[in-house]
N, C-alpha and C. Protein backbone atom coordinates (compact mmCIF):
# COMPACT_ATOMS: atom_id res chain seq x y z
N MET A 1 59.29 111.35 122.49
CA MET A 1 59.78 112.72 122.50
C MET A 1 58.84 113.61 121.69
N ILE A 2 59.00 114.92 121.85
CA ILE A 2 58.14 115.86 121.14
C ILE A 2 58.97 116.78 120.27
N SER A 3 60.06 116.25 119.75
CA SER A 3 60.98 117.04 118.93
C SER A 3 60.27 117.61 117.72
N GLY A 4 60.47 118.91 117.48
CA GLY A 4 59.95 119.55 116.29
C GLY A 4 58.53 120.03 116.40
N VAL A 5 57.85 119.83 117.53
CA VAL A 5 56.46 120.25 117.63
C VAL A 5 56.34 121.77 117.67
N VAL A 6 57.27 122.43 118.36
CA VAL A 6 57.27 123.89 118.40
C VAL A 6 58.30 124.37 117.41
N ALA A 7 57.86 125.08 116.39
CA ALA A 7 58.76 125.59 115.37
C ALA A 7 59.01 127.06 115.56
N THR A 8 60.18 127.52 115.18
CA THR A 8 60.46 128.94 115.24
C THR A 8 59.84 129.63 114.05
N GLY A 9 59.71 130.95 114.14
CA GLY A 9 59.07 131.71 113.08
C GLY A 9 59.85 131.67 111.80
N GLY A 10 59.13 131.74 110.67
CA GLY A 10 59.76 131.70 109.38
C GLY A 10 59.95 133.07 108.78
N SER A 11 59.63 134.14 109.51
CA SER A 11 59.74 135.48 108.97
C SER A 11 61.20 135.87 108.86
N SER A 12 61.48 136.82 107.94
CA SER A 12 62.82 137.36 107.83
C SER A 12 63.13 138.16 109.08
N GLY A 13 64.43 138.48 109.26
CA GLY A 13 64.80 139.26 110.43
C GLY A 13 64.14 140.62 110.45
N ASP A 14 64.08 141.30 109.31
CA ASP A 14 63.45 142.62 109.24
C ASP A 14 61.96 142.54 109.57
N GLU A 15 61.30 141.51 109.06
CA GLU A 15 59.87 141.36 109.32
C GLU A 15 59.61 141.05 110.79
N ALA A 16 60.47 140.22 111.38
CA ALA A 16 60.33 139.91 112.80
C ALA A 16 60.48 141.16 113.65
N LEU A 17 61.44 142.02 113.30
CA LEU A 17 61.64 143.26 114.05
C LEU A 17 60.43 144.18 113.90
N ARG A 18 59.88 144.22 112.69
CA ARG A 18 58.70 145.08 112.46
C ARG A 18 57.52 144.62 113.29
N LEU A 19 57.29 143.31 113.31
CA LEU A 19 56.18 142.78 114.09
C LEU A 19 56.40 142.99 115.59
N ALA A 20 57.65 142.85 116.03
CA ALA A 20 57.94 143.07 117.45
C ALA A 20 57.68 144.52 117.84
N ALA A 21 58.02 145.45 116.95
CA ALA A 21 57.77 146.87 117.23
C ALA A 21 56.28 147.16 117.31
N GLN A 22 55.50 146.51 116.45
CA GLN A 22 54.04 146.69 116.49
C GLN A 22 53.47 146.17 117.81
N ARG A 23 53.93 144.99 118.25
CA ARG A 23 53.44 144.44 119.50
C ARG A 23 53.82 145.33 120.68
N ALA A 24 55.03 145.89 120.61
CA ALA A 24 55.51 146.71 121.72
C ALA A 24 54.66 147.95 121.93
N GLN A 25 53.99 148.43 120.89
CA GLN A 25 53.10 149.58 121.06
C GLN A 25 51.96 149.26 122.01
N ARG A 26 51.56 147.98 122.07
CA ARG A 26 50.47 147.57 122.96
C ARG A 26 50.99 147.06 124.30
N THR A 27 52.08 146.31 124.26
CA THR A 27 52.52 145.60 125.47
C THR A 27 53.71 146.25 126.17
N GLY A 28 54.48 147.08 125.46
CA GLY A 28 55.70 147.62 126.02
C GLY A 28 55.49 148.62 127.13
N VAL A 29 54.27 149.14 127.26
CA VAL A 29 53.97 150.11 128.32
C VAL A 29 53.34 149.43 129.53
N ARG A 30 53.19 148.10 129.48
CA ARG A 30 52.55 147.38 130.57
C ARG A 30 53.59 146.54 131.31
N ASN A 31 53.37 146.39 132.60
CA ASN A 31 54.24 145.58 133.44
C ASN A 31 53.37 144.92 134.49
N MET A 32 53.96 144.10 135.35
CA MET A 32 53.21 143.44 136.40
C MET A 32 53.02 144.39 137.57
N PRO A 33 51.90 144.28 138.30
CA PRO A 33 51.71 145.10 139.50
C PRO A 33 52.82 144.82 140.50
N GLU A 34 53.29 145.85 141.19
CA GLU A 34 54.40 145.67 142.12
C GLU A 34 54.35 146.73 143.19
N PHE A 35 54.58 146.33 144.44
CA PHE A 35 54.74 147.31 145.51
C PHE A 35 56.03 148.09 145.28
N THR A 36 55.99 149.38 145.54
CA THR A 36 57.15 150.22 145.30
C THR A 36 57.93 150.54 146.57
N ASP A 37 57.52 150.02 147.72
CA ASP A 37 58.18 150.36 148.98
C ASP A 37 59.05 149.23 149.52
N LEU A 38 59.39 148.25 148.68
CA LEU A 38 60.28 147.18 149.12
C LEU A 38 61.71 147.71 149.22
N PRO A 39 62.51 147.20 150.15
CA PRO A 39 63.89 147.65 150.30
C PRO A 39 64.85 147.01 149.30
N VAL A 40 64.34 146.12 148.44
CA VAL A 40 65.15 145.45 147.41
C VAL A 40 64.45 145.63 146.07
N PRO A 41 65.17 145.44 144.96
CA PRO A 41 64.53 145.61 143.65
C PRO A 41 63.33 144.68 143.47
N GLY A 42 62.26 145.22 142.91
CA GLY A 42 61.09 144.40 142.62
C GLY A 42 61.28 143.62 141.34
N ASP A 43 60.41 142.64 141.12
CA ASP A 43 60.43 141.88 139.87
C ASP A 43 59.89 142.72 138.73
N THR A 44 60.39 142.49 137.54
CA THR A 44 59.86 143.13 136.36
C THR A 44 59.66 142.10 135.25
N ALA A 45 58.54 142.22 134.55
CA ALA A 45 58.28 141.38 133.38
C ALA A 45 58.42 142.20 132.10
N ASN A 46 58.99 143.39 132.23
CA ASN A 46 59.16 144.30 131.10
C ASN A 46 60.63 144.69 131.05
N LEU A 47 61.32 144.32 129.98
CA LEU A 47 62.75 144.58 129.86
C LEU A 47 63.07 146.06 129.74
N ARG A 48 62.05 146.89 129.52
CA ARG A 48 62.25 148.34 129.44
C ARG A 48 62.26 149.00 130.81
N GLU A 49 61.89 148.25 131.83
CA GLU A 49 61.74 148.82 133.17
C GLU A 49 62.49 147.96 134.19
N GLY A 50 62.82 148.59 135.32
CA GLY A 50 63.41 147.85 136.42
C GLY A 50 64.88 147.51 136.20
N PRO A 51 65.39 146.55 136.96
CA PRO A 51 66.80 146.19 136.87
C PRO A 51 67.14 145.59 135.51
N GLU A 52 68.42 145.68 135.15
CA GLU A 52 68.90 145.08 133.92
C GLU A 52 68.83 143.55 134.01
N LEU A 53 68.50 142.93 132.90
CA LEU A 53 68.51 141.47 132.85
C LEU A 53 69.95 140.97 133.03
N HIS A 54 70.13 140.02 133.92
CA HIS A 54 71.46 139.47 134.15
C HIS A 54 71.99 138.83 132.87
N PRO A 55 73.27 139.04 132.53
CA PRO A 55 73.82 138.47 131.28
C PRO A 55 73.60 136.97 131.16
N GLN A 56 73.61 136.26 132.26
CA GLN A 56 73.42 134.81 132.21
C GLN A 56 72.02 134.43 131.73
N CYS A 57 71.06 135.38 131.85
CA CYS A 57 69.67 135.12 131.46
C CYS A 57 69.38 135.51 130.02
N LEU A 58 70.39 136.01 129.29
CA LEU A 58 70.13 136.45 127.92
C LEU A 58 69.62 135.31 127.05
N VAL A 59 70.02 134.08 127.36
CA VAL A 59 69.56 132.93 126.60
C VAL A 59 68.05 132.73 126.72
N LEU A 60 67.44 133.32 127.77
CA LEU A 60 66.00 133.19 128.01
C LEU A 60 65.26 134.50 127.77
N LEU A 61 65.94 135.51 127.24
CA LEU A 61 65.35 136.85 127.10
C LEU A 61 63.98 136.85 126.42
N PRO A 62 63.75 136.10 125.33
CA PRO A 62 62.44 136.17 124.67
C PRO A 62 61.27 135.72 125.55
N LEU A 63 61.55 134.99 126.63
CA LEU A 63 60.47 134.49 127.48
C LEU A 63 59.95 135.53 128.46
N VAL A 64 60.74 136.56 128.75
CA VAL A 64 60.35 137.52 129.77
C VAL A 64 59.12 138.29 129.33
N GLY A 65 58.10 138.30 130.17
CA GLY A 65 56.85 139.00 129.85
C GLY A 65 55.69 138.35 130.58
N ILE A 66 54.50 138.84 130.28
CA ILE A 66 53.26 138.23 130.76
C ILE A 66 52.50 137.74 129.55
N TRP A 67 52.11 136.50 129.59
CA TRP A 67 51.51 135.81 128.44
C TRP A 67 50.15 135.26 128.83
N ARG A 68 49.19 135.36 127.90
CA ARG A 68 47.86 134.78 128.13
C ARG A 68 47.36 134.13 126.85
N GLY A 69 46.61 133.05 127.04
CA GLY A 69 46.05 132.38 125.87
C GLY A 69 45.27 131.16 126.29
N GLU A 70 45.15 130.21 125.36
CA GLU A 70 44.38 129.00 125.60
C GLU A 70 45.18 127.77 125.19
N GLY A 71 44.76 126.64 125.74
CA GLY A 71 45.41 125.39 125.41
C GLY A 71 44.47 124.22 125.58
N GLU A 72 45.05 123.03 125.50
CA GLU A 72 44.27 121.79 125.60
C GLU A 72 45.01 120.80 126.49
N VAL A 73 44.26 120.12 127.34
CA VAL A 73 44.82 119.08 128.19
C VAL A 73 44.13 117.76 127.84
N VAL A 74 44.94 116.70 127.72
CA VAL A 74 44.42 115.39 127.33
C VAL A 74 45.30 114.31 127.98
N TYR A 75 44.69 113.18 128.31
CA TYR A 75 45.44 112.05 128.85
C TYR A 75 44.49 110.86 128.89
N PRO A 76 45.00 109.64 128.75
CA PRO A 76 44.10 108.47 128.74
C PRO A 76 43.27 108.32 130.00
N THR A 77 43.72 108.89 131.11
CA THR A 77 43.02 108.70 132.38
C THR A 77 41.97 109.78 132.66
N ILE A 78 41.79 110.73 131.72
CA ILE A 78 40.75 111.75 131.89
C ILE A 78 39.77 111.66 130.73
N ASP A 79 38.63 112.31 130.86
CA ASP A 79 37.58 112.22 129.85
C ASP A 79 37.78 113.20 128.70
N GLY A 80 38.81 114.04 128.76
CA GLY A 80 39.04 115.11 127.79
C GLY A 80 39.13 114.63 126.34
N PRO A 81 39.65 115.52 125.48
CA PRO A 81 40.41 116.72 125.83
C PRO A 81 39.55 117.85 126.39
N PHE A 82 40.20 118.69 127.22
CA PHE A 82 39.56 119.86 127.80
C PHE A 82 40.31 121.12 127.37
N ARG A 83 39.56 122.17 127.17
CA ARG A 83 40.16 123.48 126.90
C ARG A 83 40.48 124.17 128.22
N PHE A 84 41.51 124.97 128.20
CA PHE A 84 41.82 125.78 129.37
C PHE A 84 42.40 127.12 128.95
N GLY A 85 42.22 128.12 129.82
CA GLY A 85 42.89 129.40 129.67
C GLY A 85 44.08 129.43 130.60
N GLN A 86 45.05 130.30 130.29
CA GLN A 86 46.27 130.33 131.10
C GLN A 86 46.90 131.71 131.08
N GLN A 87 47.47 132.09 132.21
CA GLN A 87 48.36 133.24 132.28
C GLN A 87 49.71 132.77 132.79
N LEU A 88 50.77 133.18 132.10
CA LEU A 88 52.13 132.81 132.46
C LEU A 88 52.92 134.10 132.67
N VAL A 89 53.45 134.28 133.87
CA VAL A 89 54.29 135.44 134.20
C VAL A 89 55.73 134.97 134.29
N ILE A 90 56.61 135.58 133.52
CA ILE A 90 58.04 135.27 133.58
C ILE A 90 58.77 136.59 133.80
N CYS A 91 59.42 136.71 134.94
CA CYS A 91 59.98 138.00 135.35
C CYS A 91 61.34 137.80 136.00
N HIS A 92 62.00 138.91 136.39
CA HIS A 92 63.33 138.81 136.99
C HIS A 92 63.55 139.99 137.92
N ASP A 93 64.60 139.90 138.74
CA ASP A 93 64.97 141.01 139.62
C ASP A 93 66.43 141.41 139.45
N GLY A 94 67.01 141.04 138.30
CA GLY A 94 68.38 141.39 138.00
C GLY A 94 69.39 140.33 138.36
N ARG A 95 68.97 139.28 139.06
CA ARG A 95 69.87 138.19 139.41
C ARG A 95 69.80 137.09 138.33
N PRO A 96 70.71 136.09 138.37
CA PRO A 96 70.83 135.13 137.27
C PRO A 96 69.78 134.02 137.28
N PHE A 97 68.53 134.41 137.39
CA PHE A 97 67.43 133.46 137.27
C PHE A 97 66.18 134.23 136.90
N LEU A 98 65.20 133.53 136.36
CA LEU A 98 63.87 134.08 136.09
C LEU A 98 62.88 133.41 137.03
N ARG A 99 61.96 134.20 137.55
CA ARG A 99 60.85 133.65 138.33
C ARG A 99 59.65 133.50 137.40
N TYR A 100 58.89 132.44 137.59
CA TYR A 100 57.68 132.33 136.78
C TYR A 100 56.52 131.78 137.60
N GLU A 101 55.33 132.14 137.14
CA GLU A 101 54.11 131.65 137.78
C GLU A 101 53.08 131.38 136.69
N SER A 102 52.44 130.23 136.78
CA SER A 102 51.41 129.84 135.83
C SER A 102 50.09 129.65 136.58
N ARG A 103 49.03 130.25 136.03
CA ARG A 103 47.67 130.02 136.54
C ARG A 103 46.79 129.62 135.36
N ALA A 104 45.99 128.59 135.57
CA ALA A 104 45.13 128.09 134.50
C ALA A 104 43.70 127.96 135.00
N TRP A 105 42.75 127.93 134.06
CA TRP A 105 41.33 127.78 134.38
C TRP A 105 40.66 126.99 133.26
N LEU A 106 39.79 126.07 133.65
CA LEU A 106 39.08 125.25 132.67
C LEU A 106 38.01 126.07 131.97
N LEU A 107 37.82 125.78 130.67
CA LEU A 107 36.83 126.47 129.84
C LEU A 107 35.83 125.45 129.29
N ASP A 108 34.59 125.90 129.11
CA ASP A 108 33.62 125.04 128.44
C ASP A 108 33.72 125.23 126.93
N GLY A 109 32.85 124.58 126.18
CA GLY A 109 32.91 124.64 124.73
C GLY A 109 32.71 126.02 124.15
N ASP A 110 32.07 126.92 124.91
CA ASP A 110 31.83 128.28 124.45
C ASP A 110 32.88 129.27 124.97
N GLY A 111 33.88 128.75 125.67
CA GLY A 111 34.93 129.62 126.17
C GLY A 111 34.63 130.24 127.52
N ASN A 112 33.56 129.81 128.18
CA ASN A 112 33.24 130.33 129.51
C ASN A 112 34.06 129.62 130.58
N VAL A 113 34.43 130.33 131.62
CA VAL A 113 35.24 129.76 132.69
C VAL A 113 34.41 128.81 133.54
N ILE A 114 34.89 127.60 133.73
CA ILE A 114 34.23 126.62 134.58
C ILE A 114 34.73 126.73 136.02
N ARG A 115 36.05 126.70 136.17
CA ARG A 115 36.64 126.77 137.52
C ARG A 115 38.15 126.95 137.38
N PRO A 116 38.81 127.37 138.47
CA PRO A 116 40.28 127.42 138.45
C PRO A 116 40.86 126.03 138.24
N ALA A 117 42.03 125.97 137.60
CA ALA A 117 42.69 124.69 137.33
C ALA A 117 44.12 124.74 137.87
N ALA A 118 45.07 124.21 137.14
CA ALA A 118 46.43 124.01 137.65
C ALA A 118 47.12 125.32 138.00
N ARG A 119 47.93 125.28 139.06
CA ARG A 119 48.81 126.39 139.42
C ARG A 119 50.23 125.84 139.59
N GLU A 120 51.19 126.64 139.15
CA GLU A 120 52.58 126.21 139.19
C GLU A 120 53.46 127.44 139.37
N THR A 121 54.50 127.30 140.13
CA THR A 121 55.44 128.40 140.31
C THR A 121 56.85 127.84 140.36
N GLY A 122 57.83 128.67 140.03
CA GLY A 122 59.19 128.15 140.04
C GLY A 122 60.20 129.13 139.51
N PHE A 123 61.37 128.61 139.15
CA PHE A 123 62.50 129.42 138.70
C PHE A 123 63.20 128.75 137.53
N TRP A 124 63.56 129.56 136.54
CA TRP A 124 64.44 129.15 135.45
C TRP A 124 65.84 129.62 135.81
N ARG A 125 66.83 128.70 135.81
CA ARG A 125 68.19 129.01 136.25
C ARG A 125 69.19 128.63 135.16
N PRO A 126 69.48 129.53 134.22
CA PRO A 126 70.48 129.23 133.19
C PRO A 126 71.88 129.20 133.77
N GLN A 127 72.70 128.29 133.25
CA GLN A 127 74.07 128.13 133.74
C GLN A 127 75.08 128.53 132.67
N ASP A 128 76.34 128.65 133.07
CA ASP A 128 77.38 129.12 132.16
C ASP A 128 77.60 128.21 130.97
N ASP A 129 77.31 126.92 131.11
CA ASP A 129 77.53 125.96 130.02
C ASP A 129 76.30 125.80 129.14
N ASP A 130 75.34 126.75 129.23
CA ASP A 130 74.08 126.73 128.46
C ASP A 130 73.05 125.75 128.99
N THR A 131 73.38 125.00 130.03
CA THR A 131 72.37 124.17 130.68
C THR A 131 71.33 125.07 131.35
N ILE A 132 70.08 124.66 131.31
CA ILE A 132 69.00 125.38 131.98
C ILE A 132 68.40 124.46 133.03
N GLU A 133 68.34 124.95 134.26
CA GLU A 133 67.63 124.26 135.32
C GLU A 133 66.27 124.91 135.50
N LEU A 134 65.24 124.12 135.60
CA LEU A 134 63.89 124.62 135.86
C LEU A 134 63.35 123.91 137.10
N LEU A 135 63.06 124.69 138.13
CA LEU A 135 62.46 124.15 139.35
C LEU A 135 60.99 124.52 139.34
N ALA A 136 60.12 123.53 139.42
CA ALA A 136 58.68 123.75 139.31
C ALA A 136 57.95 123.13 140.50
N ALA A 137 57.14 123.93 141.17
CA ALA A 137 56.32 123.45 142.29
C ALA A 137 54.85 123.59 141.90
N HIS A 138 54.11 122.51 142.05
CA HIS A 138 52.70 122.47 141.67
C HIS A 138 51.82 122.51 142.93
N GLY A 139 50.65 123.13 142.80
CA GLY A 139 49.72 123.17 143.91
C GLY A 139 49.16 121.82 144.29
N THR A 140 49.41 120.80 143.46
CA THR A 140 48.91 119.46 143.71
C THR A 140 49.88 118.61 144.52
N GLY A 141 50.98 119.21 145.01
CA GLY A 141 51.90 118.47 145.86
C GLY A 141 53.06 117.84 145.13
N ILE A 142 53.38 118.34 143.94
CA ILE A 142 54.46 117.78 143.13
C ILE A 142 55.56 118.82 142.97
N LEU A 143 56.81 118.39 143.14
CA LEU A 143 57.99 119.22 142.90
C LEU A 143 58.81 118.56 141.80
N GLU A 144 59.21 119.35 140.78
CA GLU A 144 59.95 118.79 139.65
C GLU A 144 61.23 119.59 139.41
N LEU A 145 62.30 118.88 139.09
CA LEU A 145 63.55 119.49 138.66
C LEU A 145 63.81 119.07 137.22
N TYR A 146 63.81 120.07 136.32
CA TYR A 146 64.09 119.83 134.91
C TYR A 146 65.51 120.29 134.58
N TYR A 147 66.12 119.61 133.62
CA TYR A 147 67.34 120.08 132.98
C TYR A 147 67.11 120.15 131.48
N GLY A 148 67.70 121.15 130.84
CA GLY A 148 67.55 121.28 129.41
C GLY A 148 68.54 122.25 128.82
N ARG A 149 68.32 122.56 127.54
CA ARG A 149 69.18 123.49 126.82
C ARG A 149 68.35 124.24 125.78
N PRO A 150 68.85 125.38 125.31
CA PRO A 150 68.21 126.03 124.16
C PRO A 150 68.39 125.15 122.93
N ARG A 151 67.35 125.07 122.11
CA ARG A 151 67.49 124.40 120.82
C ARG A 151 68.03 125.39 119.79
N ASN A 152 67.64 126.65 119.97
CA ASN A 152 68.16 127.76 119.18
C ASN A 152 67.84 129.03 119.98
N GLN A 153 67.83 130.19 119.34
CA GLN A 153 67.62 131.44 120.07
C GLN A 153 66.19 131.62 120.56
N THR A 154 65.25 130.86 120.03
CA THR A 154 63.84 131.07 120.39
C THR A 154 63.11 129.78 120.77
N SER A 155 63.82 128.73 121.12
CA SER A 155 63.15 127.53 121.61
C SER A 155 64.03 126.82 122.63
N TRP A 156 63.38 126.13 123.58
CA TRP A 156 64.05 125.53 124.72
C TRP A 156 63.40 124.19 125.04
N GLU A 157 64.21 123.18 125.31
CA GLU A 157 63.72 121.83 125.57
C GLU A 157 64.25 121.36 126.93
N LEU A 158 63.37 120.80 127.75
CA LEU A 158 63.74 120.38 129.10
C LEU A 158 63.06 119.06 129.45
N ALA A 159 63.72 118.29 130.31
CA ALA A 159 63.15 117.03 130.79
C ALA A 159 63.45 116.88 132.28
N THR A 160 62.59 116.19 132.99
CA THR A 160 62.77 116.03 134.43
C THR A 160 63.98 115.15 134.74
N ASP A 161 64.72 115.58 135.76
CA ASP A 161 65.79 114.78 136.33
C ASP A 161 65.33 114.15 137.63
N ALA A 162 64.39 114.83 138.31
CA ALA A 162 63.86 114.33 139.58
C ALA A 162 62.43 114.81 139.76
N VAL A 163 61.59 113.97 140.33
CA VAL A 163 60.21 114.31 140.68
C VAL A 163 59.98 113.88 142.12
N VAL A 164 59.53 114.81 142.95
CA VAL A 164 59.22 114.53 144.35
C VAL A 164 57.73 114.76 144.57
N ARG A 165 57.06 113.83 145.23
CA ARG A 165 55.61 113.92 145.43
C ARG A 165 55.29 113.83 146.90
N SER A 166 54.27 114.60 147.31
CA SER A 166 53.75 114.43 148.66
C SER A 166 52.93 113.15 148.72
N ALA A 167 52.55 112.75 149.92
CA ALA A 167 51.82 111.50 150.10
C ALA A 167 50.46 111.52 149.41
N THR A 168 49.90 112.71 149.20
CA THR A 168 48.57 112.82 148.60
C THR A 168 48.61 113.21 147.13
N ALA A 169 49.80 113.33 146.54
CA ALA A 169 49.92 113.79 145.15
C ALA A 169 49.70 112.65 144.16
N LYS A 170 49.37 113.04 142.93
CA LYS A 170 49.23 112.07 141.85
C LYS A 170 50.59 111.42 141.55
N ASP A 171 50.55 110.19 141.08
CA ASP A 171 51.77 109.44 140.78
C ASP A 171 52.35 109.91 139.44
N VAL A 172 53.26 110.87 139.49
CA VAL A 172 53.95 111.38 138.31
C VAL A 172 55.36 110.83 138.30
N THR A 173 55.76 110.24 137.16
CA THR A 173 57.08 109.63 137.05
C THR A 173 58.09 110.57 136.38
N SER A 174 57.69 111.20 135.27
CA SER A 174 58.61 112.06 134.53
C SER A 174 57.81 112.97 133.60
N ALA A 175 58.49 114.00 133.08
CA ALA A 175 57.84 114.96 132.17
C ALA A 175 58.89 115.53 131.22
N HIS A 176 58.41 116.04 130.12
CA HIS A 176 59.26 116.60 129.07
C HIS A 176 58.53 117.81 128.48
N ARG A 177 59.24 118.94 128.34
CA ARG A 177 58.62 120.17 127.86
C ARG A 177 59.43 120.78 126.72
N LEU A 178 58.70 121.41 125.81
CA LEU A 178 59.30 122.15 124.70
C LEU A 178 58.59 123.48 124.58
N TYR A 179 59.34 124.58 124.71
CA TYR A 179 58.81 125.94 124.59
C TYR A 179 59.41 126.59 123.35
N GLY A 180 58.64 127.46 122.70
CA GLY A 180 59.19 128.18 121.56
C GLY A 180 58.39 129.41 121.21
N ILE A 181 59.08 130.43 120.69
CA ILE A 181 58.43 131.60 120.12
C ILE A 181 58.11 131.26 118.67
N VAL A 182 56.84 131.33 118.30
CA VAL A 182 56.39 130.90 116.98
C VAL A 182 56.01 132.11 116.14
N ASP A 183 55.59 131.87 114.89
CA ASP A 183 55.19 132.94 113.99
C ASP A 183 54.19 133.86 114.68
N GLY A 184 54.40 135.17 114.52
CA GLY A 184 53.54 136.15 115.15
C GLY A 184 54.02 136.56 116.52
N GLY A 185 55.08 135.92 117.03
CA GLY A 185 55.63 136.29 118.33
C GLY A 185 54.96 135.65 119.51
N ASP A 186 54.05 134.70 119.28
CA ASP A 186 53.39 134.02 120.39
C ASP A 186 54.35 133.03 121.05
N LEU A 187 54.03 132.68 122.30
CA LEU A 187 54.76 131.65 123.03
C LEU A 187 53.92 130.37 123.00
N ALA A 188 54.47 129.32 122.44
CA ALA A 188 53.78 128.03 122.39
C ALA A 188 54.60 127.01 123.16
N TYR A 189 53.91 126.04 123.75
CA TYR A 189 54.62 124.96 124.42
C TYR A 189 53.81 123.69 124.36
N VAL A 190 54.53 122.58 124.49
CA VAL A 190 53.89 121.26 124.60
C VAL A 190 54.57 120.53 125.75
N GLU A 191 53.80 119.70 126.42
CA GLU A 191 54.33 118.93 127.55
C GLU A 191 53.87 117.49 127.43
N GLU A 192 54.80 116.57 127.63
CA GLU A 192 54.49 115.15 127.76
C GLU A 192 54.69 114.74 129.20
N ARG A 193 53.91 113.76 129.64
CA ARG A 193 54.05 113.24 131.00
C ARG A 193 53.90 111.73 131.03
N ALA A 194 54.64 111.11 131.95
CA ALA A 194 54.41 109.71 132.31
C ALA A 194 53.88 109.73 133.74
N MET A 195 52.64 109.26 133.92
CA MET A 195 52.03 109.30 135.25
C MET A 195 50.91 108.28 135.35
N VAL A 196 50.51 108.01 136.57
CA VAL A 196 49.45 107.06 136.92
C VAL A 196 49.52 105.79 136.07
N GLY A 197 50.72 105.26 135.93
CA GLY A 197 50.90 103.99 135.24
C GLY A 197 50.95 104.08 133.72
N GLN A 198 50.85 105.27 133.16
CA GLN A 198 50.86 105.44 131.72
C GLN A 198 52.26 105.81 131.23
N PRO A 199 52.63 105.41 130.00
CA PRO A 199 53.93 105.79 129.45
C PRO A 199 53.95 107.27 129.05
N MET A 200 55.15 107.78 128.79
CA MET A 200 55.30 109.17 128.36
C MET A 200 54.48 109.44 127.10
N GLN A 201 53.66 110.50 127.15
CA GLN A 201 52.80 110.84 126.02
C GLN A 201 52.28 112.26 126.19
N PRO A 202 51.74 112.87 125.12
CA PRO A 202 51.26 114.25 125.19
C PRO A 202 50.22 114.45 126.28
N HIS A 203 50.35 115.58 126.98
CA HIS A 203 49.42 115.90 128.07
C HIS A 203 48.84 117.31 127.94
N VAL A 204 49.69 118.31 127.73
CA VAL A 204 49.25 119.70 127.69
C VAL A 204 49.93 120.41 126.53
N SER A 205 49.19 121.29 125.86
CA SER A 205 49.76 122.19 124.86
C SER A 205 48.99 123.49 124.92
N ALA A 206 49.66 124.59 124.58
CA ALA A 206 49.01 125.90 124.62
C ALA A 206 49.75 126.87 123.71
N ARG A 207 49.03 127.92 123.33
CA ARG A 207 49.62 129.04 122.59
C ARG A 207 49.18 130.31 123.29
N LEU A 208 50.17 131.12 123.69
CA LEU A 208 49.92 132.30 124.52
C LEU A 208 50.40 133.56 123.81
N GLN A 209 49.67 134.66 124.00
CA GLN A 209 50.03 135.94 123.40
C GLN A 209 50.60 136.86 124.49
N ARG A 210 51.58 137.66 124.10
CA ARG A 210 52.19 138.59 125.04
C ARG A 210 51.19 139.71 125.36
N VAL A 211 50.97 139.98 126.65
CA VAL A 211 50.07 141.06 127.06
C VAL A 211 50.81 142.16 127.82
N ALA A 212 52.07 141.87 128.24
CA ALA A 212 52.87 142.90 128.90
C ALA A 212 54.34 142.55 128.69
N GLY A 213 55.15 143.62 128.56
CA GLY A 213 56.58 143.42 128.39
C GLY A 213 57.03 143.61 126.95
């Protein structure tokens, strides 16, 4: 397990509010690009704009936004660790779920982009009993269903209940994720995976900064 890897911020409530207000001066005026001629509400990654966040999603409110940063991927079956950049979009349309999309790109030792890397899209579906369902589809032919719960107001832990693979996908058995808002308001996460005959162990970690919302 990866319990305790993502810690919540140690700042006082007043200090946290002050820092959030400072960040909002840069990010609160930005949102995701969106067509305005759709006959239904568009997605928003900015809680100041668009439809109201559904009450059922309040448990996930700190995640809403657009996040960018860097991380590291490692596993016994690869030559890494490797650095990567990532953008994570977490948005909503007023209904009781969040849509998210992750795009990553490999970086060399100097931070230059080598090539596009993992892509993932899905939905966070909080339930009335505080259970969180996460449906994740990967461009590599893997579909995952996670179940989890909030650990507190700013961290969330999930583990796979089911993994479905296409005939050409990598052999993934299970995964475990921990997300949290850390000191400074960044979004950090760690992921463990059991795959290609290896036991559950660390695979990906990243720290992302809010750029919109």
